[in-house]
């Protein structure tokens, strides 16, 4: 079970961990919220999760482009 959890944590987008850090809320509770609401609402939170992941990737890209690396 631990190997599966580690596999998904390494390859996931980090949306739940980022929300947990920002809101001072347990990460496991946020993950369970996404899982349960996905089953109840037939997948609509997945769209929210993916859009948040894309926003995080875009923000990371712009942060890198705003801080150019000086070459020797």
PDB file of N, CA and C in Angstrom:
ATOM      1  N   UNK A   1       0.819  -1.194   0.000  1.00  0.00           N
ATOM      2  CA  UNK A   1       0.000   0.000   0.000  1.00  0.00           C
ATOM      3  C   UNK A   1       0.870   1.268   0.000  1.00  0.00           C
ATOM      4  N   UNK A   2       1.947   1.200   0.738  1.00  0.00           N
ATOM      5  CA  UNK A   2       2.836   2.363   0.831  1.00  0.00           C
ATOM      6  C   UNK A   2       3.516   2.651  -0.506  1.00  0.00           C
ATOM      7  N   UNK A   3       3.850   1.597  -1.258  1.00  0.00           N
ATOM      8  CA  UNK A   3       4.477   1.784  -2.564  1.00  0.00           C
ATOM      9  C   UNK A   3       3.524   2.471  -3.531  1.00  0.00           C
ATOM     10  N   UNK A   4       2.259   2.102  -3.468  1.00  0.00           N
ATOM     11  CA  UNK A   4       1.258   2.726  -4.347  1.00  0.00           C
ATOM     12  C   UNK A   4       1.099   4.202  -4.002  1.00  0.00           C
ATOM     13  N   UNK A   5       1.028   4.501  -2.706  1.00  0.00           N
ATOM     14  CA  UNK A   5       0.886   5.885  -2.262  1.00  0.00           C
ATOM     15  C   UNK A   5       2.093   6.714  -2.705  1.00  0.00           C
ATOM     16  N   UNK A   6       3.290   6.175  -2.532  1.00  0.00           N
ATOM     17  CA  UNK A   6       4.510   6.878  -2.935  1.00  0.00           C
ATOM     18  C   UNK A   6       4.546   7.097  -4.441  1.00  0.00           C
ATOM     19  N   UNK A   7       4.114   6.088  -5.211  1.00  0.00           N
ATOM     20  CA  UNK A   7       4.078   6.206  -6.664  1.00  0.00           C
ATOM     21  C   UNK A   7       3.204   7.375  -7.106  1.00  0.00           C
ATOM     22  N   UNK A   8       1.995   7.462  -6.543  1.00  0.00           N
ATOM     23  CA  UNK A   8       1.084   8.530  -6.947  1.00  0.00           C
ATOM     24  C   UNK A   8       1.511   9.889  -6.425  1.00  0.00           C
ATOM     25  N   UNK A   9       2.110   9.943  -5.245  1.00  0.00           N
ATOM     26  CA  UNK A   9       2.569  11.217  -4.711  1.00  0.00           C
ATOM     27  C   UNK A   9       3.718  11.785  -5.530  1.00  0.00           C
ATOM     28  N   UNK A  10       4.586  10.919  -6.037  1.00  0.00           N
ATOM     29  CA  UNK A  10       5.715  11.388  -6.836  1.00  0.00           C
ATOM     30  C   UNK A  10       5.278  11.861  -8.214  1.00  0.00           C
ATOM     31  N   UNK A  11       4.240  11.236  -8.766  1.00  0.00           N
ATOM     32  CA  UNK A  11       3.831  11.550 -10.129  1.00  0.00           C
ATOM     33  C   UNK A  11       2.583  12.412 -10.216  1.00  0.00           C
ATOM     34  N   UNK A  12       1.957  12.694  -9.103  1.00  0.00           N
ATOM     35  CA  UNK A  12       0.772  13.551  -9.106  1.00  0.00           C
ATOM     36  C   UNK A  12       1.196  15.006  -9.270  1.00  0.00           C
ATOM     37  N   UNK A  13       0.241  15.845  -9.479  1.00  0.00           N
ATOM     38  CA  UNK A  13       0.520  17.246  -9.731  1.00  0.00           C
ATOM     39  C   UNK A  13       0.828  18.029  -8.462  1.00  0.00           C
ATOM     40  N   UNK A  14       0.463  17.530  -7.316  1.00  0.00           N
ATOM     41  CA  UNK A  14       0.727  18.236  -6.070  1.00  0.00           C
ATOM     42  C   UNK A  14      -0.337  19.242  -5.706  1.00  0.00           C
ATOM     43  N   UNK A  15      -1.503  19.130  -6.289  1.00  0.00           N
ATOM     44  CA  UNK A  15      -2.579  20.085  -6.022  1.00  0.00           C
ATOM     45  C   UNK A  15      -3.038  19.968  -4.582  1.00  0.00           C
ATOM     46  N   UNK A  16      -3.260  18.765  -4.102  1.00  0.00           N
ATOM     47  CA  UNK A  16      -3.749  18.581  -2.734  1.00  0.00           C
ATOM     48  C   UNK A  16      -2.721  19.060  -1.713  1.00  0.00           C
ATOM     49  N   UNK A  17      -1.436  18.758  -1.951  1.00  0.00           N
ATOM     50  CA  UNK A  17      -0.426  19.223  -1.009  1.00  0.00           C
ATOM     51  C   UNK A  17      -0.316  20.741  -1.005  1.00  0.00           C
ATOM     52  N   UNK A  18      -0.426  21.344  -2.174  1.00  0.00           N
ATOM     53  CA  UNK A  18      -0.353  22.805  -2.256  1.00  0.00           C
ATOM     54  C   UNK A  18      -1.540  23.449  -1.547  1.00  0.00           C
ATOM     55  N   UNK A  19      -2.742  22.895  -1.747  1.00  0.00           N
ATOM     56  CA  UNK A  19      -3.918  23.416  -1.054  1.00  0.00           C
ATOM     57  C   UNK A  19      -3.783  23.241   0.454  1.00  0.00           C
ATOM     58  N   UNK A  20      -3.274  22.091   0.872  1.00  0.00           N
ATOM     59  CA  UNK A  20      -3.079  21.848   2.295  1.00  0.00           C
ATOM     60  C   UNK A  20      -2.113  22.827   2.928  1.00  0.00           C
ATOM     61  N   UNK A  21      -1.047  23.156   2.212  1.00  0.00           N
ATOM     62  CA  UNK A  21      -0.076  24.130   2.724  1.00  0.00           C
ATOM     63  C   UNK A  21      -0.683  25.514   2.812  1.00  0.00           C
ATOM     64  N   UNK A  22      -1.414  25.913   1.772  1.00  0.00           N
ATOM     65  CA  UNK A  22      -1.997  27.261   1.744  1.00  0.00           C
ATOM     66  C   UNK A  22      -3.097  27.435   2.785  1.00  0.00           C
ATOM     67  N   UNK A  23      -3.923  26.398   2.971  1.00  0.00           N
ATOM     68  CA  UNK A  23      -5.081  26.510   3.855  1.00  0.00           C
ATOM     69  C   UNK A  23      -4.829  25.973   5.262  1.00  0.00           C
ATOM     70  N   UNK A  24      -3.628  25.483   5.525  1.00  0.00           N
ATOM     71  CA  UNK A  24      -3.309  24.859   6.813  1.00  0.00           C
ATOM     72  C   UNK A  24      -4.314  23.765   7.144  1.00  0.00           C
ATOM     73  N   UNK A  25      -4.514  22.860   6.209  1.00  0.00           N
ATOM     74  CA  UNK A  25      -5.501  21.798   6.328  1.00  0.00           C
ATOM     75  C   UNK A  25      -4.801  20.481   6.022  1.00  0.00           C
ATOM     76  N   UNK A  26      -5.176  19.391   6.684  1.00  0.00           N
ATOM     77  CA  UNK A  26      -4.509  18.101   6.422  1.00  0.00           C
ATOM     78  C   UNK A  26      -4.658  17.663   4.959  1.00  0.00           C
ATOM     79  N   UNK A  27      -3.572  17.252   4.370  1.00  0.00           N
ATOM     80  CA  UNK A  27      -3.543  16.875   2.960  1.00  0.00           C
ATOM     81  C   UNK A  27      -4.412  15.650   2.695  1.00  0.00           C
ATOM     82  N   UNK A  28      -4.384  14.694   3.620  1.00  0.00           N
ATOM     83  CA  UNK A  28      -5.202  13.491   3.436  1.00  0.00           C
ATOM     84  C   UNK A  28      -6.688  13.820   3.380  1.00  0.00           C
ATOM     85  N   UNK A  29      -7.115  14.793   4.161  1.00  0.00           N
ATOM     86  CA  UNK A  29      -8.530  15.193   4.150  1.00  0.00           C
ATOM     87  C   UNK A  29      -8.906  15.803   2.807  1.00  0.00           C
ATOM     88  N   UNK A  30      -8.020  16.575   2.233  1.00  0.00           N
ATOM     89  CA  UNK A  30      -8.292  17.185   0.932  1.00  0.00           C
ATOM     90  C   UNK A  30      -8.358  16.116  -0.142  1.00  0.00           C
ATOM     91  N   UNK A  31      -7.447  15.155  -0.095  1.00  0.00           N
ATOM     92  CA  UNK A  31      -7.471  14.056  -1.070  1.00  0.00           C
ATOM     93  C   UNK A  31      -8.767  13.256  -0.966  1.00  0.00           C
ATOM     94  N   UNK A  32      -9.168  12.949   0.269  1.00  0.00           N
ATOM     95  CA  UNK A  32     -10.420  12.214   0.457  1.00  0.00           C
ATOM     96  C   UNK A  32     -11.614  13.022  -0.044  1.00  0.00           C
ATOM     97  N   UNK A  33     -11.582  14.336   0.166  1.00  0.00           N
ATOM     98  CA  UNK A  33     -12.657  15.186  -0.333  1.00  0.00           C
ATOM     99  C   UNK A  33     -12.775  15.072  -1.850  1.00  0.00           C
ATOM    100  N   UNK A  34     -11.654  15.166  -2.551  1.00  0.00           N
ATOM    101  CA  UNK A  34     -11.671  15.039  -4.009  1.00  0.00           C
ATOM    102  C   UNK A  34     -12.167  13.663  -4.446  1.00  0.00           C
ATOM    103  N   UNK A  35     -11.743  12.624  -3.750  1.00  0.00           N
ATOM    104  CA  UNK A  35     -12.163  11.270  -4.122  1.00  0.00           C
ATOM    105  C   UNK A  35     -13.655  11.087  -3.906  1.00  0.00           C
ATOM    106  N   UNK A  36     -14.155  11.442  -2.726  1.00  0.00           N
ATOM    107  CA  UNK A  36     -15.568  11.244  -2.424  1.00  0.00           C
ATOM    108  C   UNK A  36     -16.470  12.109  -3.297  1.00  0.00           C
ATOM    109  N   UNK A  37     -16.101  13.361  -3.483  1.00  0.00           N
ATOM    110  CA  UNK A  37     -16.951  14.211  -4.317  1.00  0.00           C
ATOM    111  C   UNK A  37     -16.904  13.780  -5.774  1.00  0.00           C
ATOM    112  N   UNK A  38     -15.811  13.172  -6.200  1.00  0.00           N
ATOM    113  CA  UNK A  38     -15.750  12.656  -7.571  1.00  0.00           C
ATOM    114  C   UNK A  38     -16.742  11.520  -7.766  1.00  0.00           C
ATOM    115  N   UNK A  39     -16.861  10.658  -6.774  1.00  0.00           N
ATOM    116  CA  UNK A  39     -17.831   9.568  -6.875  1.00  0.00           C
ATOM    117  C   UNK A  39     -19.265  10.088  -6.791  1.00  0.00           C
ATOM    118  N   UNK A  40     -19.502  11.037  -5.899  1.00  0.00           N
ATOM    119  CA  UNK A  40     -20.862  11.544  -5.701  1.00  0.00           C
ATOM    120  C   UNK A  40     -21.334  12.339  -6.910  1.00  0.00           C
ATOM    121  N   UNK A  41     -20.473  13.176  -7.462  1.00  0.00           N
ATOM    122  CA  UNK A  41     -20.877  14.063  -8.554  1.00  0.00           C
ATOM    123  C   UNK A  41     -20.463  13.542  -9.916  1.00  0.00           C
ATOM    124  N   UNK A  42     -20.021  12.301  -9.968  1.00  0.00           N
ATOM    125  CA  UNK A  42     -19.653  11.634 -11.216  1.00  0.00           C
ATOM    126  C   UNK A  42     -18.502  12.307 -11.957  1.00  0.00           C
ATOM    127  N   UNK A  43     -17.509  12.781 -11.218  1.00  0.00           N
ATOM    128  CA  UNK A  43     -16.268  13.214 -11.831  1.00  0.00           C
ATOM    129  C   UNK A  43     -16.043  14.693 -12.013  1.00  0.00           C
ATOM    130  N   UNK A  44     -16.969  15.549 -11.637  1.00  0.00           N
ATOM    131  CA  UNK A  44     -16.750  16.973 -11.877  1.00  0.00           C
ATOM    132  C   UNK A  44     -15.571  17.558 -11.086  1.00  0.00           C
ATOM    133  N   UNK A  45     -15.260  17.101  -9.862  1.00  0.00           N
ATOM    134  CA  UNK A  45     -14.066  17.618  -9.192  1.00  0.00           C
ATOM    135  C   UNK A  45     -12.773  17.280  -9.916  1.00  0.00           C
ATOM    136  N   UNK A  46     -12.789  16.255 -10.744  1.00  0.00           N
ATOM    137  CA  UNK A  46     -11.591  15.913 -11.523  1.00  0.00           C
ATOM    138  C   UNK A  46     -11.257  17.064 -12.465  1.00  0.00           C
ATOM    139  N   UNK A  47     -12.269  17.687 -13.029  1.00  0.00           N
ATOM    140  CA  UNK A  47     -12.054  18.844 -13.908  1.00  0.00           C
ATOM    141  C   UNK A  47     -11.436  19.983 -13.118  1.00  0.00           C
ATOM    142  N   UNK A  48     -11.921  20.210 -11.918  1.00  0.00           N
ATOM    143  CA  UNK A  48     -11.361  21.268 -11.061  1.00  0.00           C
ATOM    144  C   UNK A  48      -9.909  20.946 -10.715  1.00  0.00           C
ATOM    145  N   UNK A  49      -9.646  19.685 -10.369  1.00  0.00           N
ATOM    146  CA  UNK A  49      -8.295  19.255 -10.009  1.00  0.00           C
ATOM    147  C   UNK A  49      -7.329  19.471 -11.170  1.00  0.00           C
ATOM    148  N   UNK A  50      -7.725  19.056 -12.362  1.00  0.00           N
ATOM    149  CA  UNK A  50      -6.850  19.185 -13.533  1.00  0.00           C
ATOM    150  C   UNK A  50      -6.630  20.655 -13.881  1.00  0.00           C
ATOM    151  N   UNK A  51      -7.669  21.473 -13.773  1.00  0.00           N
ATOM    152  CA  UNK A  51      -7.497  22.903 -14.075  1.00  0.00           C
ATOM    153  C   UNK A  51      -6.578  23.562 -13.054  1.00  0.00           C
ATOM    154  N   UNK A  52      -6.680  23.168 -11.789  1.00  0.00           N
ATOM    155  CA  UNK A  52      -5.766  23.710 -10.779  1.00  0.00           C
ATOM    156  C   UNK A  52      -4.343  23.253 -11.042  1.00  0.00           C
ATOM    157  N   UNK A  53      -4.168  22.017 -11.475  1.00  0.00           N
ATOM    158  CA  UNK A  53      -2.834  21.514 -11.800  1.00  0.00           C
ATOM    159  C   UNK A  53      -2.240  22.280 -12.973  1.00  0.00           C
ATOM    160  N   UNK A  54      -3.054  22.565 -13.978  1.00  0.00           N
ATOM    161  CA  UNK A  54      -2.562  23.336 -15.126  1.00  0.00           C
ATOM    162  C   UNK A  54      -2.181  24.747 -14.703  1.00  0.00           C
ATOM    163  N   UNK A  55      -2.977  25.365 -13.828  1.00  0.00           N
ATOM    164  CA  UNK A  55      -2.641  26.705 -13.337  1.00  0.00           C
ATOM    165  C   UNK A  55      -1.320  26.690 -12.591  1.00  0.00           C
ATOM    166  N   UNK A  56      -1.080  25.656 -11.793  1.00  0.00           N
ATOM    167  CA  UNK A  56       0.178  25.557 -11.060  1.00  0.00           C
ATOM    168  C   UNK A  56       1.355  25.420 -12.014  1.00  0.00           C
ATOM    169  N   UNK A  57       1.200  24.613 -13.065  1.00  0.00           N
ATOM    170  CA  UNK A  57       2.276  24.437 -14.043  1.00  0.00           C
ATOM    171  C   UNK A  57       2.547  25.731 -14.806  1.00  0.00           C
ATOM    172  N   UNK A  58       1.490  26.443 -15.162  1.00  0.00           N
ATOM    173  CA  UNK A  58       1.657  27.712 -15.877  1.00  0.00           C
ATOM    174  C   UNK A  58       2.356  28.736 -14.997  1.00  0.00           C
ATOM    175  N   UNK A  59       1.943  28.825 -13.724  1.00  0.00           N
ATOM    176  CA  UNK A  59       2.597  29.760 -12.797  1.00  0.00           C
ATOM    177  C   UNK A  59       4.075  29.426 -12.638  1.00  0.00           C
ATOM    178  N   UNK A  60       4.386  28.127 -12.550  1.00  0.00           N
ATOM    179  CA  UNK A  60       5.781  27.691 -12.416  1.00  0.00           C
ATOM    180  C   UNK A  60       6.577  28.067 -13.664  1.00  0.00           C
ATOM    181  N   UNK A  61       5.967  27.916 -14.832  1.00  0.00           N
ATOM    182  CA  UNK A  61       6.629  28.267 -16.083  1.00  0.00           C
ATOM    183  C   UNK A  61       6.930  29.763 -16.127  1.00  0.00           C
ATOM    184  N   UNK A  62       5.948  30.601 -15.751  1.00  0.00           N
ATOM    185  CA  UNK A  62       6.160  32.041 -15.794  1.00  0.00           C
ATOM    186  C   UNK A  62       7.165  32.501 -14.752  1.00  0.00           C
ATOM    187  N   UNK A  63       7.203  31.846 -13.609  1.00  0.00           N
ATOM    188  CA  UNK A  63       8.210  32.194 -12.604  1.00  0.00           C
ATOM    189  C   UNK A  63       9.610  31.908 -13.121  1.00  0.00           C
ATOM    190  N   UNK A  64       9.764  30.805 -13.838  1.00  0.00           N
ATOM    191  CA  UNK A  64      11.076  30.483 -14.406  1.00  0.00           C
ATOM    192  C   UNK A  64      11.459  31.475 -15.493  1.00  0.00           C
ATOM    193  N   UNK A  65      10.491  31.892 -16.313  1.00  0.00           N
ATOM    194  CA  UNK A  65      10.812  32.805 -17.408  1.00  0.00           C
ATOM    195  C   UNK A  65      11.069  34.227 -16.912  1.00  0.00           C
ATOM    196  N   UNK A  66      10.515  34.585 -15.755  1.00  0.00           N
ATOM    197  CA  UNK A  66      10.751  35.922 -15.205  1.00  0.00           C
ATOM    198  C   UNK A  66      12.095  36.031 -14.499  1.00  0.00           C
ATOM    199  N   UNK A  67      12.680  34.911 -14.140  1.00  0.00           N
ATOM    200  CA  UNK A  67      13.964  34.891 -13.458  1.00  0.00           C
ATOM    201  C   UNK A  67      15.000  34.241 -14.381  1.00  0.00           C
ATOM    202  N   UNK A  68      15.527  35.008 -15.330  1.00  0.00           N
ATOM    203  CA  UNK A  68      16.477  34.393 -16.262  1.00  0.00           C
ATOM    204  C   UNK A  68      17.750  33.972 -15.543  1.00  0.00           C
ATOM    205  N   UNK A  69      18.290  32.873 -15.996  1.00  0.00           N
ATOM    206  CA  UNK A  69      19.533  32.355 -15.435  1.00  0.00           C
ATOM    207  C   UNK A  69      20.693  32.990 -16.180  1.00  0.00           C
ATOM    208  N   UNK A  70      21.625  33.532 -15.443  1.00  0.00           N
ATOM    209  CA  UNK A  70      22.778  34.168 -16.049  1.00  0.00           C
ATOM    210  C   UNK A  70      23.807  33.100 -16.394  1.00  0.00           C
ATOM    211  N   UNK A  71      24.255  33.124 -17.616  1.00  0.00           N
ATOM    212  CA  UNK A  71      25.253  32.156 -18.061  1.00  0.00           C
ATOM    213  C   UNK A  71      26.637  32.770 -17.965  1.00  0.00           C
ATOM    214  N   UNK A  72      27.625  31.929 -17.697  1.00  0.00           N
ATOM    215  CA  UNK A  72      29.021  32.397 -17.604  1.00  0.00           C
ATOM    216  C   UNK A  72      29.599  32.632 -18.959  1.00  0.00           C
TER     217      UNK A  72
END
